[in-house]
Amino acid sequence: MRRIFWAGDSTVKTNKANTFPQTGIGQVFDRYTKPDVIIYNHAENGRSTKSFIDESRLATIYNEITKDDFLFIQFGHNDEKDQDPARYTDPDGEYIVNLGKFVNVARNKGAYPVFITPLERRLFNEDGSIVTPSAHLPYVNAMKKAGEKFDVPVVDLWSMSREFIEKTGDADTIKYFMHLKEGEAKWKPEGQIDNTHLKGAGALVFAGMVAKGLVELGGIYKDLIFEDLEL
């Protein structure tokens, strides 16, 4: 048995019926893993590296994680919120420091940390081009710097998801995100336009990109993924 612990935000979180059809990447990732891999998804809505640590969520993982487990670390969306001191982190300062704390938790228990850059948002200009620059980019670059600093492998979901969203286009990516028609969801009867959170189809697509990234890392990371999948 191999175990993955996942720390992250609402793009990763396991959702219940009360938020259906919203679906997190961590919620469906077992579609890509070998049968003996178990996933403990600790991701929660609205969390940044700072708030996740401050609320003792990382401490909970420390108490549960053990030797040869994996810790997937995926943050960025909420670290960007510079109007919220409870969540904001400077990308080249506290964000990297906090990522180091996640790494220490894993390594102190003999587990393997993995950084996963944040999922890109579905944002297009009126001419159909994807919005540039991406708000995530400073945190993507900072996570890559942290990967080098702490010698942690990085799965660059941001680059893969941005390329996919741009290539697929405005109209054809709507189905992957939480665009709800009026009456489609009982908890949101008025409907909504949400270009951050995912429906099931989107979660599967982007979870597949994480799986592909692990396969490309090779070794113990590739060995988590079911061999016969086309990624």
C-alpha atoms as a PDB file:
ATOM      1  CA  MET A   1       0.000   0.000   0.000  1.00  0.00           C
ATOM      2  CA  ARG A   2       1.249   3.464  -0.929  1.00  0.00           C
ATOM      3  CA  ARG A   3      -0.288   6.682   0.331  1.00  0.00           C
ATOM      4  CA  ILE A   4      -0.592  10.185  -1.106  1.00  0.00           C
ATOM      5  CA  PHE A   5      -1.411  13.091   1.211  1.00  0.00           C
ATOM      6  CA  TRP A   6      -2.619  16.154  -0.672  1.00  0.00           C
ATOM      7  CA  ALA A   7      -2.446  19.706   0.681  1.00  0.00           C
ATOM      8  CA  GLY A   8      -4.175  22.355  -1.381  1.00  0.00           C
ATOM      9  CA  ASP A   9      -7.163  24.571  -2.056  1.00  0.00           C
ATOM     10  CA  SER A  10     -10.642  24.309  -3.592  1.00  0.00           C
ATOM     11  CA  THR A  11      -9.324  23.257  -7.006  1.00  0.00           C
ATOM     12  CA  VAL A  12      -8.105  20.073  -5.303  1.00  0.00           C
ATOM     13  CA  LYS A  13     -10.720  19.525  -2.590  1.00  0.00           C
ATOM     14  CA  THR A  14     -13.028  16.515  -2.375  1.00  0.00           C
ATOM     15  CA  ASN A  15     -16.580  17.858  -2.673  1.00  0.00           C
ATOM     16  CA  LYS A  16     -19.784  16.446  -1.238  1.00  0.00           C
ATOM     17  CA  ALA A  17     -23.319  16.400  -2.655  1.00  0.00           C
ATOM     18  CA  ASN A  18     -24.036  19.878  -1.309  1.00  0.00           C
ATOM     19  CA  THR A  19     -21.623  21.431  -3.841  1.00  0.00           C
ATOM     20  CA  PHE A  20     -22.265  19.088  -6.781  1.00  0.00           C
ATOM     21  CA  PRO A  21     -21.205  19.259  -9.620  1.00  0.00           C
ATOM     22  CA  GLN A  22     -18.051  20.957  -8.300  1.00  0.00           C
ATOM     23  CA  THR A  23     -15.202  18.451  -8.316  1.00  0.00           C
ATOM     24  CA  GLY A  24     -11.598  18.747  -7.179  1.00  0.00           C
ATOM     25  CA  ILE A  25      -8.520  17.317  -8.841  1.00  0.00           C
ATOM     26  CA  GLY A  26      -7.655  15.306  -5.740  1.00  0.00           C
ATOM     27  CA  GLN A  27     -11.191  13.933  -5.687  1.00  0.00           C
ATOM     28  CA  VAL A  28     -10.741  12.064  -8.979  1.00  0.00           C
ATOM     29  CA  PHE A  29      -7.006  11.429  -9.004  1.00  0.00           C
ATOM     30  CA  ASP A  30      -7.486   7.793  -8.014  1.00  0.00           C
ATOM     31  CA  ARG A  31      -8.746   7.184 -11.566  1.00  0.00           C
ATOM     32  CA  TYR A  32      -5.100   7.405 -12.598  1.00  0.00           C
ATOM     33  CA  THR A  33      -3.298   5.609  -9.784  1.00  0.00           C
ATOM     34  CA  LYS A  34      -2.475   1.961  -9.262  1.00  0.00           C
ATOM     35  CA  PRO A  35      -4.934  -0.062  -7.147  1.00  0.00           C
ATOM     36  CA  ASP A  36      -2.673  -0.090  -4.085  1.00  0.00           C
ATOM     37  CA  VAL A  37      -2.447   3.727  -3.885  1.00  0.00           C
ATOM     38  CA  ILE A  38      -4.634   5.456  -1.292  1.00  0.00           C
ATOM     39  CA  ILE A  39      -5.228   9.225  -1.375  1.00  0.00           C
ATOM     40  CA  TYR A  40      -5.853  11.340   1.716  1.00  0.00           C
ATOM     41  CA  ASN A  41      -7.092  14.656   0.394  1.00  0.00           C
ATOM     42  CA  HIS A  42      -6.614  17.429   2.970  1.00  0.00           C
ATOM     43  CA  ALA A  43      -7.286  20.267   0.509  1.00  0.00           C
ATOM     44  CA  GLU A  44      -9.843  22.821   1.628  1.00  0.00           C
ATOM     45  CA  ASN A  45     -11.651  25.766   0.060  1.00  0.00           C
ATOM     46  CA  GLY A  46      -9.957  29.134   0.214  1.00  0.00           C
ATOM     47  CA  ARG A  47      -6.685  28.038   1.766  1.00  0.00           C
ATOM     48  CA  SER A  48      -3.273  29.449   1.035  1.00  0.00           C
ATOM     49  CA  THR A  49       0.026  28.113   2.299  1.00  0.00           C
ATOM     50  CA  LYS A  50      -0.296  30.580   5.181  1.00  0.00           C
ATOM     51  CA  SER A  51      -3.861  29.821   6.267  1.00  0.00           C
ATOM     52  CA  PHE A  52      -3.375  26.073   5.800  1.00  0.00           C
ATOM     53  CA  ILE A  53      -0.464  26.205   8.237  1.00  0.00           C
ATOM     54  CA  ASP A  54      -2.102  28.689  10.631  1.00  0.00           C
ATOM     55  CA  GLU A  55      -5.200  26.479  10.937  1.00  0.00           C
ATOM     56  CA  SER A  56      -3.007  23.483  11.921  1.00  0.00           C
ATOM     57  CA  ARG A  57      -3.959  21.562   8.786  1.00  0.00           C
ATOM     58  CA  LEU A  58      -0.297  20.892   8.067  1.00  0.00           C
ATOM     59  CA  ALA A  59       0.107  19.714  11.676  1.00  0.00           C
ATOM     60  CA  THR A  60      -2.671  17.185  11.053  1.00  0.00           C
ATOM     61  CA  ILE A  61      -0.781  15.829   8.054  1.00  0.00           C
ATOM     62  CA  TYR A  62       2.395  15.664  10.144  1.00  0.00           C
ATOM     63  CA  ASN A  63       0.595  13.476  12.663  1.00  0.00           C
ATOM     64  CA  GLU A  64      -0.644  11.093   9.958  1.00  0.00           C
ATOM     65  CA  ILE A  65       2.061  10.891   7.307  1.00  0.00           C
ATOM     66  CA  THR A  66       4.726   8.188   7.585  1.00  0.00           C
ATOM     67  CA  LYS A  67       7.806   6.821   5.870  1.00  0.00           C
ATOM     68  CA  ASP A  68       7.594   6.389   2.084  1.00  0.00           C
ATOM     69  CA  ASP A  69       4.292   8.283   1.804  1.00  0.00           C
ATOM     70  CA  PHE A  70       3.959  11.175  -0.651  1.00  0.00           C
ATOM     71  CA  LEU A  71       2.957  14.759   0.117  1.00  0.00           C
ATOM     72  CA  PHE A  72       1.504  16.658  -2.859  1.00  0.00           C
ATOM     73  CA  ILE A  73       1.680  20.422  -2.243  1.00  0.00           C
ATOM     74  CA  GLN A  74      -0.517  22.561  -4.516  1.00  0.00           C
ATOM     75  CA  PHE A  75      -1.140  26.221  -3.667  1.00  0.00           C
ATOM     76  CA  GLY A  76      -1.183  29.630  -5.311  1.00  0.00           C
ATOM     77  CA  HIS A  77      -4.765  30.807  -5.923  1.00  0.00           C
ATOM     78  CA  ASN A  78      -5.266  32.192  -2.433  1.00  0.00           C
ATOM     79  CA  ASP A  79      -1.689  33.187  -1.679  1.00  0.00           C
ATOM     80  CA  GLU A  80      -2.301  35.856  -4.365  1.00  0.00           C
ATOM     81  CA  LYS A  81      -5.043  37.634  -2.396  1.00  0.00           C
ATOM     82  CA  ASP A  82      -3.108  40.702  -1.303  1.00  0.00           C
ATOM     83  CA  GLN A  83      -6.188  42.314   0.277  1.00  0.00           C
ATOM     84  CA  ASP A  84      -6.482  39.451   2.769  1.00  0.00           C
ATOM     85  CA  PRO A  85      -3.656  39.369   5.343  1.00  0.00           C
ATOM     86  CA  ALA A  86      -4.858  36.009   6.664  1.00  0.00           C
ATOM     87  CA  ARG A  87      -4.016  34.380   3.342  1.00  0.00           C
ATOM     88  CA  TYR A  88      -1.675  36.564   1.324  1.00  0.00           C
ATOM     89  CA  THR A  89       1.984  35.645   0.945  1.00  0.00           C
ATOM     90  CA  ASP A  90       4.693  37.403  -1.031  1.00  0.00           C
ATOM     91  CA  PRO A  91       5.670  34.982  -3.817  1.00  0.00           C
ATOM     92  CA  ASP A  92       9.401  35.414  -3.367  1.00  0.00           C
ATOM     93  CA  GLY A  93       9.225  35.623   0.419  1.00  0.00           C
ATOM     94  CA  GLU A  94       6.742  33.975   2.734  1.00  0.00           C
ATOM     95  CA  TYR A  95       5.347  31.708  -0.007  1.00  0.00           C
ATOM     96  CA  ILE A  96       8.726  30.014  -0.493  1.00  0.00           C
ATOM     97  CA  VAL A  97       9.313  29.892   3.269  1.00  0.00           C
ATOM     98  CA  ASN A  98       5.946  28.205   3.742  1.00  0.00           C
ATOM     99  CA  LEU A  99       6.607  25.702   0.985  1.00  0.00           C
ATOM    100  CA  GLY A 100       9.757  24.793   2.882  1.00  0.00           C
ATOM    101  CA  LYS A 101       7.637  24.026   5.950  1.00  0.00           C
ATOM    102  CA  PHE A 102       5.591  21.528   3.930  1.00  0.00           C
ATOM    103  CA  VAL A 103       8.811  19.947   2.692  1.00  0.00           C
ATOM    104  CA  ASN A 104      10.114  19.653   6.251  1.00  0.00           C
ATOM    105  CA  VAL A 105       6.939  17.892   7.376  1.00  0.00           C
ATOM    106  CA  ALA A 106       7.347  15.299   4.637  1.00  0.00           C
ATOM    107  CA  ARG A 107      11.069  14.731   5.075  1.00  0.00           C
ATOM    108  CA  ASN A 108      10.977  14.659   8.856  1.00  0.00           C
ATOM    109  CA  LYS A 109       8.665  11.658   8.505  1.00  0.00           C
ATOM    110  CA  GLY A 110      10.612  10.026   5.657  1.00  0.00           C
ATOM    111  CA  ALA A 111       7.981  10.932   3.052  1.00  0.00           C
ATOM    112  CA  TYR A 112       8.444  12.356  -0.444  1.00  0.00           C
ATOM    113  CA  PRO A 113       7.279  15.936  -1.152  1.00  0.00           C
ATOM    114  CA  VAL A 114       6.058  16.968  -4.606  1.00  0.00           C
ATOM    115  CA  PHE A 115       5.236  20.534  -5.679  1.00  0.00           C
ATOM    116  CA  ILE A 116       2.316  21.053  -8.088  1.00  0.00           C
ATOM    117  CA  THR A 117       1.906  24.504  -9.607  1.00  0.00           C
ATOM    118  CA  PRO A 118      -1.600  26.025  -9.451  1.00  0.00           C
ATOM    119  CA  LEU A 119      -4.249  25.262 -12.042  1.00  0.00           C
ATOM    120  CA  GLU A 120      -4.698  28.112 -14.517  1.00  0.00           C
ATOM    121  CA  ARG A 121      -7.979  30.018 -14.524  1.00  0.00           C
ATOM    122  CA  ARG A 122     -10.202  30.050 -17.600  1.00  0.00           C
ATOM    123  CA  LEU A 123      -9.920  33.718 -18.562  1.00  0.00           C
ATOM    124  CA  PHE A 124     -10.169  34.969 -22.138  1.00  0.00           C
ATOM    125  CA  ASN A 125     -10.049  38.383 -23.754  1.00  0.00           C
ATOM    126  CA  GLU A 126     -12.846  39.544 -26.071  1.00  0.00           C
ATOM    127  CA  ASP A 127     -10.759  38.569 -29.095  1.00  0.00           C
ATOM    128  CA  GLY A 128     -10.577  34.963 -27.853  1.00  0.00           C
ATOM    129  CA  SER A 129      -6.984  35.105 -26.628  1.00  0.00           C
ATOM    130  CA  ILE A 130      -6.135  33.891 -23.128  1.00  0.00           C
ATOM    131  CA  VAL A 131      -5.539  36.643 -20.576  1.00  0.00           C
ATOM    132  CA  THR A 132      -1.862  37.561 -20.215  1.00  0.00           C
ATOM    133  CA  PRO A 133      -0.053  37.897 -17.916  1.00  0.00           C
ATOM    134  CA  SER A 134      -1.465  35.243 -15.656  1.00  0.00           C
ATOM    135  CA  ALA A 135      -2.006  36.253 -12.030  1.00  0.00           C
ATOM    136  CA  HIS A 136      -0.544  32.894 -11.075  1.00  0.00           C
ATOM    137  CA  LEU A 137       2.792  33.398 -12.800  1.00  0.00           C
ATOM    138  CA  PRO A 138       4.740  34.908  -9.852  1.00  0.00           C
ATOM    139  CA  TYR A 139       3.692  31.922  -7.716  1.00  0.00           C
ATOM    140  CA  VAL A 140       4.465  29.431 -10.456  1.00  0.00           C
ATOM    141  CA  ASN A 141       7.959  30.864 -10.789  1.00  0.00           C
ATOM    142  CA  ALA A 142       8.364  30.966  -7.012  1.00  0.00           C
ATOM    143  CA  MET A 143       7.351  27.322  -6.685  1.00  0.00           C
ATOM    144  CA  LYS A 144       9.935  26.373  -9.286  1.00  0.00           C
ATOM    145  CA  LYS A 145      12.542  28.337  -7.324  1.00  0.00           C
ATOM    146  CA  ALA A 146      11.454  26.508  -4.179  1.00  0.00           C
ATOM    147  CA  GLY A 147      11.793  23.226  -6.038  1.00  0.00           C
ATOM    148  CA  GLU A 148      15.417  24.050  -6.787  1.00  0.00           C
ATOM    149  CA  LYS A 149      16.079  25.395  -3.298  1.00  0.00           C
ATOM    150  CA  PHE A 150      14.646  22.393  -1.470  1.00  0.00           C
ATOM    151  CA  ASP A 151      15.444  19.778  -4.137  1.00  0.00           C
ATOM    152  CA  VAL A 152      11.781  18.911  -4.617  1.00  0.00           C
ATOM    153  CA  PRO A 153      10.322  17.689  -7.942  1.00  0.00           C
ATOM    154  CA  VAL A 154       7.788  20.008  -9.592  1.00  0.00           C
ATOM    155  CA  VAL A 155       4.764  19.023 -11.669  1.00  0.00           C
ATOM    156  CA  ASP A 156       3.978  22.135 -13.704  1.00  0.00           C
ATOM    157  CA  LEU A 157       0.193  21.880 -13.889  1.00  0.00           C
ATOM    158  CA  TRP A 158      -0.069  25.609 -14.581  1.00  0.00           C
ATOM    159  CA  SER A 159       1.812  25.350 -17.877  1.00  0.00           C
ATOM    160  CA  MET A 160      -0.059  22.229 -18.994  1.00  0.00           C
ATOM    161  CA  SER A 161      -3.484  23.591 -18.059  1.00  0.00           C
ATOM    162  CA  ARG A 162      -2.836  27.014 -19.590  1.00  0.00           C
ATOM    163  CA  GLU A 163      -1.722  25.441 -22.859  1.00  0.00           C
ATOM    164  CA  PHE A 164      -4.818  23.211 -22.886  1.00  0.00           C
ATOM    165  CA  ILE A 165      -7.216  26.060 -22.107  1.00  0.00           C
ATOM    166  CA  GLU A 166      -5.680  28.309 -24.757  1.00  0.00           C
ATOM    167  CA  LYS A 167      -5.621  25.587 -27.415  1.00  0.00           C
ATOM    168  CA  THR A 168      -9.157  24.354 -26.661  1.00  0.00           C
ATOM    169  CA  GLY A 169     -10.583  27.869 -26.694  1.00  0.00           C
ATOM    170  CA  ASP A 170     -13.189  29.947 -24.935  1.00  0.00           C
ATOM    171  CA  ALA A 171     -16.380  28.170 -25.966  1.00  0.00           C
ATOM    172  CA  ASP A 172     -15.100  24.617 -25.689  1.00  0.00           C
ATOM    173  CA  THR A 173     -13.612  25.008 -22.199  1.00  0.00           C
ATOM    174  CA  ILE A 174     -16.818  26.195 -20.526  1.00  0.00           C
ATOM    175  CA  LYS A 175     -17.922  22.595 -19.887  1.00  0.00           C
ATOM    176  CA  TYR A 176     -14.871  21.924 -17.724  1.00  0.00           C
ATOM    177  CA  PHE A 177     -15.498  24.774 -15.280  1.00  0.00           C
ATOM    178  CA  MET A 178     -18.282  25.635 -12.854  1.00  0.00           C
ATOM    179  CA  HIS A 179     -20.551  27.510 -15.221  1.00  0.00           C
ATOM    180  CA  LEU A 180     -24.039  26.727 -13.954  1.00  0.00           C
ATOM    181  CA  LYS A 181     -27.287  27.471 -15.729  1.00  0.00           C
ATOM    182  CA  GLU A 182     -30.233  28.744 -13.720  1.00  0.00           C
ATOM    183  CA  GLY A 183     -31.678  25.809 -11.776  1.00  0.00           C
ATOM    184  CA  GLU A 184     -28.801  23.452 -12.607  1.00  0.00           C
ATOM    185  CA  ALA A 185     -27.690  23.186  -8.973  1.00  0.00           C
ATOM    186  CA  LYS A 186     -30.078  23.406  -6.017  1.00  0.00           C
ATOM    187  CA  TRP A 187     -27.490  25.143  -3.856  1.00  0.00           C
ATOM    188  CA  LYS A 188     -26.957  27.803  -6.557  1.00  0.00           C
ATOM    189  CA  PRO A 189     -30.425  28.169  -8.136  1.00  0.00           C
ATOM    190  CA  GLU A 190     -29.598  31.463  -9.802  1.00  0.00           C
ATOM    191  CA  GLY A 191     -26.673  29.898 -11.688  1.00  0.00           C
ATOM    192  CA  GLN A 192     -23.131  31.231 -11.849  1.00  0.00           C
ATOM    193  CA  ILE A 193     -20.086  31.885 -14.000  1.00  0.00           C
ATOM    194  CA  ASP A 194     -16.998  30.447 -12.297  1.00  0.00           C
ATOM    195  CA  ASN A 195     -13.733  30.198 -14.212  1.00  0.00           C
ATOM    196  CA  THR A 196     -11.683  28.785 -11.335  1.00  0.00           C
ATOM    197  CA  HIS A 197     -13.495  25.713 -10.006  1.00  0.00           C
ATOM    198  CA  LEU A 198     -14.102  22.531 -11.926  1.00  0.00           C
ATOM    199  CA  LYS A 199     -16.879  20.191 -12.913  1.00  0.00           C
ATOM    200  CA  GLY A 200     -16.140  16.470 -13.048  1.00  0.00           C
ATOM    201  CA  ALA A 201     -14.955  16.517 -16.665  1.00  0.00           C
ATOM    202  CA  GLY A 202     -12.487  19.291 -15.912  1.00  0.00           C
ATOM    203  CA  ALA A 203     -11.186  17.625 -12.772  1.00  0.00           C
ATOM    204  CA  LEU A 204     -10.492  14.462 -14.763  1.00  0.00           C
ATOM    205  CA  VAL A 205      -8.680  16.345 -17.519  1.00  0.00           C
ATOM    206  CA  PHE A 206      -6.446  18.272 -15.160  1.00  0.00           C
ATOM    207  CA  ALA A 207      -5.864  15.340 -12.808  1.00  0.00           C
ATOM    208  CA  GLY A 208      -4.646  13.502 -15.894  1.00  0.00           C
ATOM    209  CA  MET A 209      -2.092  16.251 -16.396  1.00  0.00           C
ATOM    210  CA  VAL A 210      -0.792  15.746 -12.858  1.00  0.00           C
ATOM    211  CA  ALA A 211      -0.537  12.027 -13.581  1.00  0.00           C
ATOM    212  CA  LYS A 212       1.350  12.772 -16.779  1.00  0.00           C
ATOM    213  CA  GLY A 213       3.720  15.020 -14.851  1.00  0.00           C
ATOM    214  CA  LEU A 214       4.453  12.238 -12.379  1.00  0.00           C
ATOM    215  CA  VAL A 215       5.130   9.798 -15.199  1.00  0.00           C
ATOM    216  CA  GLU A 216       7.574  12.285 -16.694  1.00  0.00           C
ATOM    217  CA  LEU A 217       9.366  12.572 -13.340  1.00  0.00           C
ATOM    218  CA  GLY A 218       9.929   8.813 -13.514  1.00  0.00           C
ATOM    219  CA  GLY A 219      11.080   6.498 -10.755  1.00  0.00           C
ATOM    220  CA  ILE A 220       8.958   6.287  -7.614  1.00  0.00           C
ATOM    221  CA  TYR A 221       6.618   8.994  -8.940  1.00  0.00           C
ATOM    222  CA  LYS A 222       5.872   7.213 -12.195  1.00  0.00           C
ATOM    223  CA  ASP A 223       5.255   4.025 -10.239  1.00  0.00           C
ATOM    224  CA  LEU A 224       2.169   5.586  -8.611  1.00  0.00           C
ATOM    225  CA  ILE A 225       0.367   5.760 -11.957  1.00  0.00           C
ATOM    226  CA  PHE A 226      -1.483   2.905 -13.647  1.00  0.00           C
ATOM    227  CA  GLU A 227       0.681   1.732 -16.551  1.00  0.00           C
ATOM    228  CA  ASP A 228      -1.966   1.216 -19.235  1.00  0.00           C
ATOM    229  CA  LEU A 229      -3.332   4.762 -19.241  1.00  0.00           C
ATOM    230  CA  GLU A 230      -2.916   7.032 -22.245  1.00  0.00           C
ATOM    231  CA  LEU A 231      -1.916  10.396 -20.814  1.00  0.00           C
END
